[in-house]
PDB file of N, CA and C in Angstrom:
ATOM      1  N   UNK A   1     271.738 -32.698 109.235  1.00  0.00           N
ATOM      2  CA  UNK A   1     271.591 -32.125 110.469  1.00  0.00           C
ATOM      3  C   UNK A   1     271.698 -33.393 111.505  1.00  0.00           C
ATOM      4  N   UNK A   2     272.352 -32.520 112.864  1.00  0.00           N
ATOM      5  CA  UNK A   2     272.861 -34.072 113.562  1.00  0.00           C
ATOM      6  C   UNK A   2     272.235 -34.096 114.844  1.00  0.00           C
ATOM      7  N   UNK A   3     271.812 -34.892 115.589  1.00  0.00           N
ATOM      8  CA  UNK A   3     271.042 -34.813 116.529  1.00  0.00           C
ATOM      9  C   UNK A   3     272.065 -35.216 117.880  1.00  0.00           C
ATOM     10  N   UNK A   4     272.227 -34.678 118.800  1.00  0.00           N
ATOM     11  CA  UNK A   4     273.347 -34.976 119.601  1.00  0.00           C
ATOM     12  C   UNK A   4     272.638 -36.012 120.605  1.00  0.00           C
ATOM     13  N   UNK A   5     272.818 -37.044 121.191  1.00  0.00           N
ATOM     14  CA  UNK A   5     272.442 -37.743 122.292  1.00  0.00           C
ATOM     15  C   UNK A   5     273.070 -37.648 123.792  1.00  0.00           C
ATOM     16  N   UNK A   6     273.043 -37.194 124.682  1.00  0.00           N
ATOM     17  CA  UNK A   6     273.962 -37.399 126.082  1.00  0.00           C
ATOM     18  C   UNK A   6     274.189 -38.436 125.891  1.00  0.00           C
ATOM     19  N   UNK A   7     275.369 -38.633 126.426  1.00  0.00           N
ATOM     20  CA  UNK A   7     276.971 -39.771 126.868  1.00  0.00           C
ATOM     21  C   UNK A   7     275.663 -40.986 127.400  1.00  0.00           C
ATOM     22  N   UNK A   8     274.761 -40.266 128.209  1.00  0.00           N
ATOM     23  CA  UNK A   8     274.151 -41.403 129.179  1.00  0.00           C
ATOM     24  C   UNK A   8     273.089 -42.319 128.569  1.00  0.00           C
ATOM     25  N   UNK A   9     272.799 -41.720 127.160  1.00  0.00           N
ATOM     26  CA  UNK A   9     271.280 -42.030 126.943  1.00  0.00           C
ATOM     27  C   UNK A   9     271.473 -43.858 126.322  1.00  0.00           C
ATOM     28  N   UNK A  10     272.363 -44.880 126.353  1.00  0.00           N
ATOM     29  CA  UNK A  10     271.932 -45.502 125.482  1.00  0.00           C
ATOM     30  C   UNK A  10     272.042 -46.445 126.870  1.00  0.00           C
ATOM     31  N   UNK A  11     270.976 -47.352 126.334  1.00  0.00           N
ATOM     32  CA  UNK A  11     270.969 -48.525 127.750  1.00  0.00           C
ATOM     33  C   UNK A  11     270.240 -49.368 127.061  1.00  0.00           C
ATOM     34  N   UNK A  12     271.171 -50.762 127.496  1.00  0.00           N
ATOM     35  CA  UNK A  12     271.113 -52.289 126.849  1.00  0.00           C
ATOM     36  C   UNK A  12     269.892 -53.073 126.572  1.00  0.00           C
ATOM     37  N   UNK A  13     269.252 -53.561 125.753  1.00  0.00           N
ATOM     38  CA  UNK A  13     268.313 -54.017 125.721  1.00  0.00           C
ATOM     39  C   UNK A  13     268.188 -56.018 125.960  1.00  0.00           C
ATOM     40  N   UNK A  14     267.690 -56.452 126.217  1.00  0.00           N
ATOM     41  CA  UNK A  14     267.780 -58.040 126.099  1.00  0.00           C
ATOM     42  C   UNK A  14     266.514 -58.751 124.949  1.00  0.00           C
ATOM     43  N   UNK A  15     266.600 -59.502 124.540  1.00  0.00           N
ATOM     44  CA  UNK A  15     265.672 -60.194 123.331  1.00  0.00           C
ATOM     45  C   UNK A  15     265.358 -61.445 123.746  1.00  0.00           C
ATOM     46  N   UNK A  16     264.499 -61.923 124.153  1.00  0.00           N
ATOM     47  CA  UNK A  16     264.110 -63.422 124.105  1.00  0.00           C
ATOM     48  C   UNK A  16     262.876 -63.926 122.913  1.00  0.00           C
ATOM     49  N   UNK A  17     263.528 -64.916 122.439  1.00  0.00           N
ATOM     50  CA  UNK A  17     262.711 -65.496 121.279  1.00  0.00           C
ATOM     51  C   UNK A  17     261.514 -66.749 121.540  1.00  0.00           C
ATOM     52  N   UNK A  18     260.598 -66.284 121.047  1.00  0.00           N
ATOM     53  CA  UNK A  18     259.471 -67.107 121.933  1.00  0.00           C
ATOM     54  C   UNK A  18     259.117 -67.963 120.615  1.00  0.00           C
ATOM     55  N   UNK A  19     258.549 -69.294 120.493  1.00  0.00           N
ATOM     56  CA  UNK A  19     258.303 -69.535 119.190  1.00  0.00           C
ATOM     57  C   UNK A  19     256.899 -70.265 119.466  1.00  0.00           C
ATOM     58  N   UNK A  20     256.499 -70.802 120.490  1.00  0.00           N
ATOM     59  CA  UNK A  20     255.742 -71.935 120.941  1.00  0.00           C
ATOM     60  C   UNK A  20     255.804 -72.724 121.409  1.00  0.00           C
ATOM     61  N   UNK A  21     255.076 -73.593 122.385  1.00  0.00           N
ATOM     62  CA  UNK A  21     254.642 -74.722 123.068  1.00  0.00           C
ATOM     63  C   UNK A  21     256.159 -75.417 122.335  1.00  0.00           C
ATOM     64  N   UNK A  22     255.562 -75.607 121.222  1.00  0.00           N
ATOM     65  CA  UNK A  22     256.634 -77.064 120.455  1.00  0.00           C
ATOM     66  C   UNK A  22     257.809 -76.980 120.473  1.00  0.00           C
ATOM     67  N   UNK A  23     258.559 -75.813 120.262  1.00  0.00           N
ATOM     68  CA  UNK A  23     259.872 -75.664 120.264  1.00  0.00           C
ATOM     69  C   UNK A  23     260.481 -75.105 121.752  1.00  0.00           C
ATOM     70  N   UNK A  24     261.654 -75.032 121.887  1.00  0.00           N
ATOM     71  CA  UNK A  24     262.616 -74.337 122.673  1.00  0.00           C
ATOM     72  C   UNK A  24     263.667 -73.435 122.231  1.00  0.00           C
ATOM     73  N   UNK A  25     263.980 -71.990 122.823  1.00  0.00           N
ATOM     74  CA  UNK A  25     264.579 -71.451 121.941  1.00  0.00           C
ATOM     75  C   UNK A  25     265.914 -70.944 123.035  1.00  0.00           C
ATOM     76  N   UNK A  26     267.019 -70.629 122.908  1.00  0.00           N
ATOM     77  CA  UNK A  26     267.801 -69.820 123.730  1.00  0.00           C
ATOM     78  C   UNK A  26     268.815 -69.093 122.931  1.00  0.00           C
ATOM     79  N   UNK A  27     269.106 -67.982 124.076  1.00  0.00           N
ATOM     80  CA  UNK A  27     270.246 -67.054 123.380  1.00  0.00           C
ATOM     81  C   UNK A  27     271.155 -67.609 123.765  1.00  0.00           C
ATOM     82  N   UNK A  28     272.590 -67.736 122.339  1.00  0.00           N
ATOM     83  CA  UNK A  28     273.777 -68.409 122.449  1.00  0.00           C
ATOM     84  C   UNK A  28     274.976 -67.419 123.267  1.00  0.00           C
ATOM     85  N   UNK A  29     274.715 -65.875 122.007  1.00  0.00           N
ATOM     86  CA  UNK A  29     275.574 -65.053 122.164  1.00  0.00           C
ATOM     87  C   UNK A  29     274.758 -64.113 121.567  1.00  0.00           C
ATOM     88  N   UNK A  30     275.614 -62.367 122.143  1.00  0.00           N
ATOM     89  CA  UNK A  30     275.224 -61.333 121.714  1.00  0.00           C
ATOM     90  C   UNK A  30     275.936 -59.841 121.406  1.00  0.00           C
ATOM     91  N   UNK A  31     275.554 -59.163 120.817  1.00  0.00           N
ATOM     92  CA  UNK A  31     276.272 -58.121 121.461  1.00  0.00           C
ATOM     93  C   UNK A  31     275.791 -56.660 120.871  1.00  0.00           C
ATOM     94  N   UNK A  32     276.270 -55.582 120.989  1.00  0.00           N
ATOM     95  CA  UNK A  32     275.697 -54.414 120.345  1.00  0.00           C
ATOM     96  C   UNK A  32     276.903 -53.275 120.754  1.00  0.00           C
ATOM     97  N   UNK A  33     276.775 -52.455 119.608  1.00  0.00           N
ATOM     98  CA  UNK A  33     277.367 -51.035 119.564  1.00  0.00           C
ATOM     99  C   UNK A  33     276.193 -49.893 119.495  1.00  0.00           C
ATOM    100  N   UNK A  34     277.015 -48.888 119.519  1.00  0.00           N
ATOM    101  CA  UNK A  34     275.836 -47.888 119.467  1.00  0.00           C
ATOM    102  C   UNK A  34     274.621 -47.888 118.478  1.00  0.00           C
ATOM    103  N   UNK A  35     274.657 -48.225 117.222  1.00  0.00           N
ATOM    104  CA  UNK A  35     273.738 -48.145 116.677  1.00  0.00           C
ATOM    105  C   UNK A  35     273.397 -49.760 115.891  1.00  0.00           C
ATOM    106  N   UNK A  36     273.649 -50.784 116.607  1.00  0.00           N
ATOM    107  CA  UNK A  36     273.636 -52.139 116.171  1.00  0.00           C
ATOM    108  C   UNK A  36     273.532 -53.085 116.876  1.00  0.00           C
ATOM    109  N   UNK A  37     272.918 -54.282 116.999  1.00  0.00           N
ATOM    110  CA  UNK A  37     273.116 -55.140 117.791  1.00  0.00           C
ATOM    111  C   UNK A  37     272.853 -56.980 117.174  1.00  0.00           C
ATOM    112  N   UNK A  38     273.442 -57.358 117.678  1.00  0.00           N
ATOM    113  CA  UNK A  38     273.176 -58.916 117.016  1.00  0.00           C
ATOM    114  C   UNK A  38     273.359 -59.761 118.014  1.00  0.00           C
ATOM    115  N   UNK A  39     272.257 -60.892 117.739  1.00  0.00           N
ATOM    116  CA  UNK A  39     271.923 -61.859 118.984  1.00  0.00           C
ATOM    117  C   UNK A  39     271.718 -63.165 118.189  1.00  0.00           C
ATOM    118  N   UNK A  40     272.263 -64.183 118.603  1.00  0.00           N
ATOM    119  CA  UNK A  40     272.492 -65.916 117.980  1.00  0.00           C
ATOM    120  C   UNK A  40     271.417 -66.757 118.751  1.00  0.00           C
ATOM    121  N   UNK A  41     270.511 -67.379 118.304  1.00  0.00           N
ATOM    122  CA  UNK A  41     269.591 -68.617 119.063  1.00  0.00           C
ATOM    123  C   UNK A  41     269.797 -69.279 118.523  1.00  0.00           C
ATOM    124  N   UNK A  42     269.716 -70.679 119.642  1.00  0.00           N
ATOM    125  CA  UNK A  42     269.475 -72.292 119.078  1.00  0.00           C
ATOM    126  C   UNK A  42     268.032 -72.604 119.288  1.00  0.00           C
ATOM    127  N   UNK A  43     267.492 -73.019 118.112  1.00  0.00           N
ATOM    128  CA  UNK A  43     266.121 -73.569 118.276  1.00  0.00           C
ATOM    129  C   UNK A  43     265.966 -75.098 118.222  1.00  0.00           C
ATOM    130  N   UNK A  44     265.157 -75.640 119.513  1.00  0.00           N
ATOM    131  CA  UNK A  44     265.377 -77.518 119.523  1.00  0.00           C
ATOM    132  C   UNK A  44     263.813 -77.302 119.527  1.00  0.00           C
ATOM    133  N   UNK A  45     263.482 -78.496 118.720  1.00  0.00           N
ATOM    134  CA  UNK A  45     263.582 -79.270 117.332  1.00  0.00           C
ATOM    135  C   UNK A  45     264.481 -78.334 116.416  1.00  0.00           C
ATOM    136  N   UNK A  46     265.108 -78.758 115.233  1.00  0.00           N
ATOM    137  CA  UNK A  46     265.054 -77.554 114.552  1.00  0.00           C
ATOM    138  C   UNK A  46     264.021 -77.058 113.596  1.00  0.00           C
ATOM    139  N   UNK A  47     263.905 -76.074 113.251  1.00  0.00           N
ATOM    140  CA  UNK A  47     262.467 -75.654 112.339  1.00  0.00           C
ATOM    141  C   UNK A  47     262.860 -76.288 110.433  1.00  0.00           C
ATOM    142  N   UNK A  48     261.807 -76.701 110.587  1.00  0.00           N
ATOM    143  CA  UNK A  48     261.745 -77.989 109.507  1.00  0.00           C
ATOM    144  C   UNK A  48     262.118 -76.761 108.091  1.00  0.00           C
ATOM    145  N   UNK A  49     262.842 -77.467 107.469  1.00  0.00           N
ATOM    146  CA  UNK A  49     263.112 -77.194 105.712  1.00  0.00           C
ATOM    147  C   UNK A  49     262.158 -75.673 105.449  1.00  0.00           C
ATOM    148  N   UNK A  50     260.707 -76.332 105.444  1.00  0.00           N
ATOM    149  CA  UNK A  50     259.670 -74.769 105.162  1.00  0.00           C
ATOM    150  C   UNK A  50     258.734 -74.756 106.591  1.00  0.00           C
ATOM    151  N   UNK A  51     259.585 -73.516 106.680  1.00  0.00           N
ATOM    152  CA  UNK A  51     258.862 -73.046 108.062  1.00  0.00           C
ATOM    153  C   UNK A  51     257.463 -72.110 108.116  1.00  0.00           C
ATOM    154  N   UNK A  52     256.940 -72.123 106.710  1.00  0.00           N
ATOM    155  CA  UNK A  52     255.214 -70.953 106.326  1.00  0.00           C
ATOM    156  C   UNK A  52     254.575 -71.828 107.836  1.00  0.00           C
ATOM    157  N   UNK A  53     254.412 -70.659 108.596  1.00  0.00           N
ATOM    158  CA  UNK A  53     253.290 -70.607 109.205  1.00  0.00           C
ATOM    159  C   UNK A  53     253.457 -70.427 110.814  1.00  0.00           C
ATOM    160  N   UNK A  54     254.867 -70.685 111.120  1.00  0.00           N
ATOM    161  CA  UNK A  54     255.885 -70.439 112.190  1.00  0.00           C
ATOM    162  C   UNK A  54     256.241 -68.790 112.821  1.00  0.00           C
ATOM    163  N   UNK A  55     255.787 -68.208 113.663  1.00  0.00           N
ATOM    164  CA  UNK A  55     255.879 -67.117 114.443  1.00  0.00           C
ATOM    165  C   UNK A  55     256.602 -66.889 115.276  1.00  0.00           C
ATOM    166  N   UNK A  56     257.990 -66.161 114.711  1.00  0.00           N
ATOM    167  CA  UNK A  56     258.769 -65.958 115.620  1.00  0.00           C
ATOM    168  C   UNK A  56     258.521 -64.926 116.562  1.00  0.00           C
ATOM    169  N   UNK A  57     259.029 -64.526 118.091  1.00  0.00           N
ATOM    170  CA  UNK A  57     258.235 -63.141 118.949  1.00  0.00           C
ATOM    171  C   UNK A  57     259.483 -63.360 119.792  1.00  0.00           C
ATOM    172  N   UNK A  58     260.122 -61.920 119.379  1.00  0.00           N
ATOM    173  CA  UNK A  58     261.244 -61.102 120.344  1.00  0.00           C
ATOM    174  C   UNK A  58     260.969 -60.453 121.303  1.00  0.00           C
ATOM    175  N   UNK A  59     260.655 -61.096 122.575  1.00  0.00           N
ATOM    176  CA  UNK A  59     259.859 -60.272 123.639  1.00  0.00           C
ATOM    177  C   UNK A  59     261.317 -59.253 124.093  1.00  0.00           C
ATOM    178  N   UNK A  60     261.090 -58.139 124.444  1.00  0.00           N
ATOM    179  CA  UNK A  60     262.353 -57.479 125.204  1.00  0.00           C
ATOM    180  C   UNK A  60     262.477 -56.935 126.647  1.00  0.00           C
ATOM    181  N   UNK A  61     263.288 -56.857 126.942  1.00  0.00           N
ATOM    182  CA  UNK A  61     263.662 -57.123 128.642  1.00  0.00           C
ATOM    183  C   UNK A  61     264.287 -56.055 128.386  1.00  0.00           C
ATOM    184  N   UNK A  62     264.364 -55.226 130.033  1.00  0.00           N
ATOM    185  CA  UNK A  62     265.362 -53.910 130.199  1.00  0.00           C
ATOM    186  C   UNK A  62     266.624 -54.860 130.675  1.00  0.00           C
ATOM    187  N   UNK A  63     266.493 -56.068 131.411  1.00  0.00           N
ATOM    188  CA  UNK A  63     267.487 -56.768 132.121  1.00  0.00           C
ATOM    189  C   UNK A  63     267.160 -57.843 131.574  1.00  0.00           C
ATOM    190  N   UNK A  64     268.820 -58.539 131.606  1.00  0.00           N
ATOM    191  CA  UNK A  64     268.613 -60.067 131.364  1.00  0.00           C
ATOM    192  C   UNK A  64     268.439 -61.064 132.396  1.00  0.00           C
ATOM    193  N   UNK A  65     267.753 -62.517 131.698  1.00  0.00           N
ATOM    194  CA  UNK A  65     267.257 -63.426 132.746  1.00  0.00           C
ATOM    195  C   UNK A  65     265.706 -63.021 132.960  1.00  0.00           C
ATOM    196  N   UNK A  66     265.050 -62.239 131.790  1.00  0.00           N
ATOM    197  CA  UNK A  66     263.545 -62.237 131.764  1.00  0.00           C
ATOM    198  C   UNK A  66     263.249 -61.535 132.778  1.00  0.00           C
ATOM    199  N   UNK A  67     263.988 -60.733 133.220  1.00  0.00           N
ATOM    200  CA  UNK A  67     263.521 -59.485 134.604  1.00  0.00           C
ATOM    201  C   UNK A  67     263.342 -58.145 133.417  1.00  0.00           C
ATOM    202  N   UNK A  68     262.496 -57.136 133.818  1.00  0.00           N
ATOM    203  CA  UNK A  68     261.533 -56.431 133.797  1.00  0.00           C
ATOM    204  C   UNK A  68     261.428 -56.217 132.029  1.00  0.00           C
ATOM    205  N   UNK A  69     259.950 -57.157 131.945  1.00  0.00           N
ATOM    206  CA  UNK A  69     259.971 -56.845 130.542  1.00  0.00           C
ATOM    207  C   UNK A  69     259.107 -55.768 130.013  1.00  0.00           C
ATOM    208  N   UNK A  70     259.468 -55.051 128.810  1.00  0.00           N
ATOM    209  CA  UNK A  70     259.582 -53.384 128.513  1.00  0.00           C
ATOM    210  C   UNK A  70     257.821 -53.696 127.411  1.00  0.00           C
ATOM    211  N   UNK A  71     257.397 -54.848 127.321  1.00  0.00           N
ATOM    212  CA  UNK A  71     256.504 -54.813 126.500  1.00  0.00           C
ATOM    213  C   UNK A  71     256.334 -54.707 124.941  1.00  0.00           C
ATOM    214  N   UNK A  72     257.468 -54.433 124.998  1.00  0.00           N
ATOM    215  CA  UNK A  72     257.948 -54.230 123.533  1.00  0.00           C
ATOM    216  C   UNK A  72     258.036 -55.806 122.540  1.00  0.00           C
ATOM    217  N   UNK A  73     257.566 -55.891 121.802  1.00  0.00           N
ATOM    218  CA  UNK A  73     257.898 -57.213 120.588  1.00  0.00           C
ATOM    219  C   UNK A  73     257.891 -56.796 119.244  1.00  0.00           C
ATOM    220  N   UNK A  74     259.102 -58.093 118.686  1.00  0.00           N
ATOM    221  CA  UNK A  74     258.496 -57.661 116.883  1.00  0.00           C
ATOM    222  C   UNK A  74     258.858 -59.296 116.575  1.00  0.00           C
ATOM    223  N   UNK A  75     257.563 -59.108 116.152  1.00  0.00           N
ATOM    224  CA  UNK A  75     257.356 -60.502 115.318  1.00  0.00           C
ATOM    225  C   UNK A  75     257.364 -60.415 114.086  1.00  0.00           C
ATOM    226  N   UNK A  76     257.981 -61.803 113.603  1.00  0.00           N
ATOM    227  CA  UNK A  76     258.348 -62.431 112.213  1.00  0.00           C
ATOM    228  C   UNK A  76     256.483 -63.475 111.994  1.00  0.00           C
ATOM    229  N   UNK A  77     255.795 -63.325 111.179  1.00  0.00           N
ATOM    230  CA  UNK A  77     255.260 -64.355 110.594  1.00  0.00           C
ATOM    231  C   UNK A  77     255.701 -65.165 109.719  1.00  0.00           C
ATOM    232  N   UNK A  78     256.043 -66.029 109.402  1.00  0.00           N
ATOM    233  CA  UNK A  78     256.744 -66.717 107.890  1.00  0.00           C
ATOM    234  C   UNK A  78     255.816 -67.524 107.290  1.00  0.00           C
TER     235      UNK A  78
END
């Protein structure tokens, strides 16, 4: 079964990475196509070799530069 989507149904999302006050992060580049997205981030200072206990929180925005936060988050607890 195939579900057809309208041609204008794709909207690009932007994700900011938050790790906590101890770290600074910024997206260096990224891109997407119809079914996938890829983003690269720089974290400083670098995470330790054992990142246990670190939480990576990706916050979704509808526009770049932290405009129009959607409230959606992806969280990884290491």
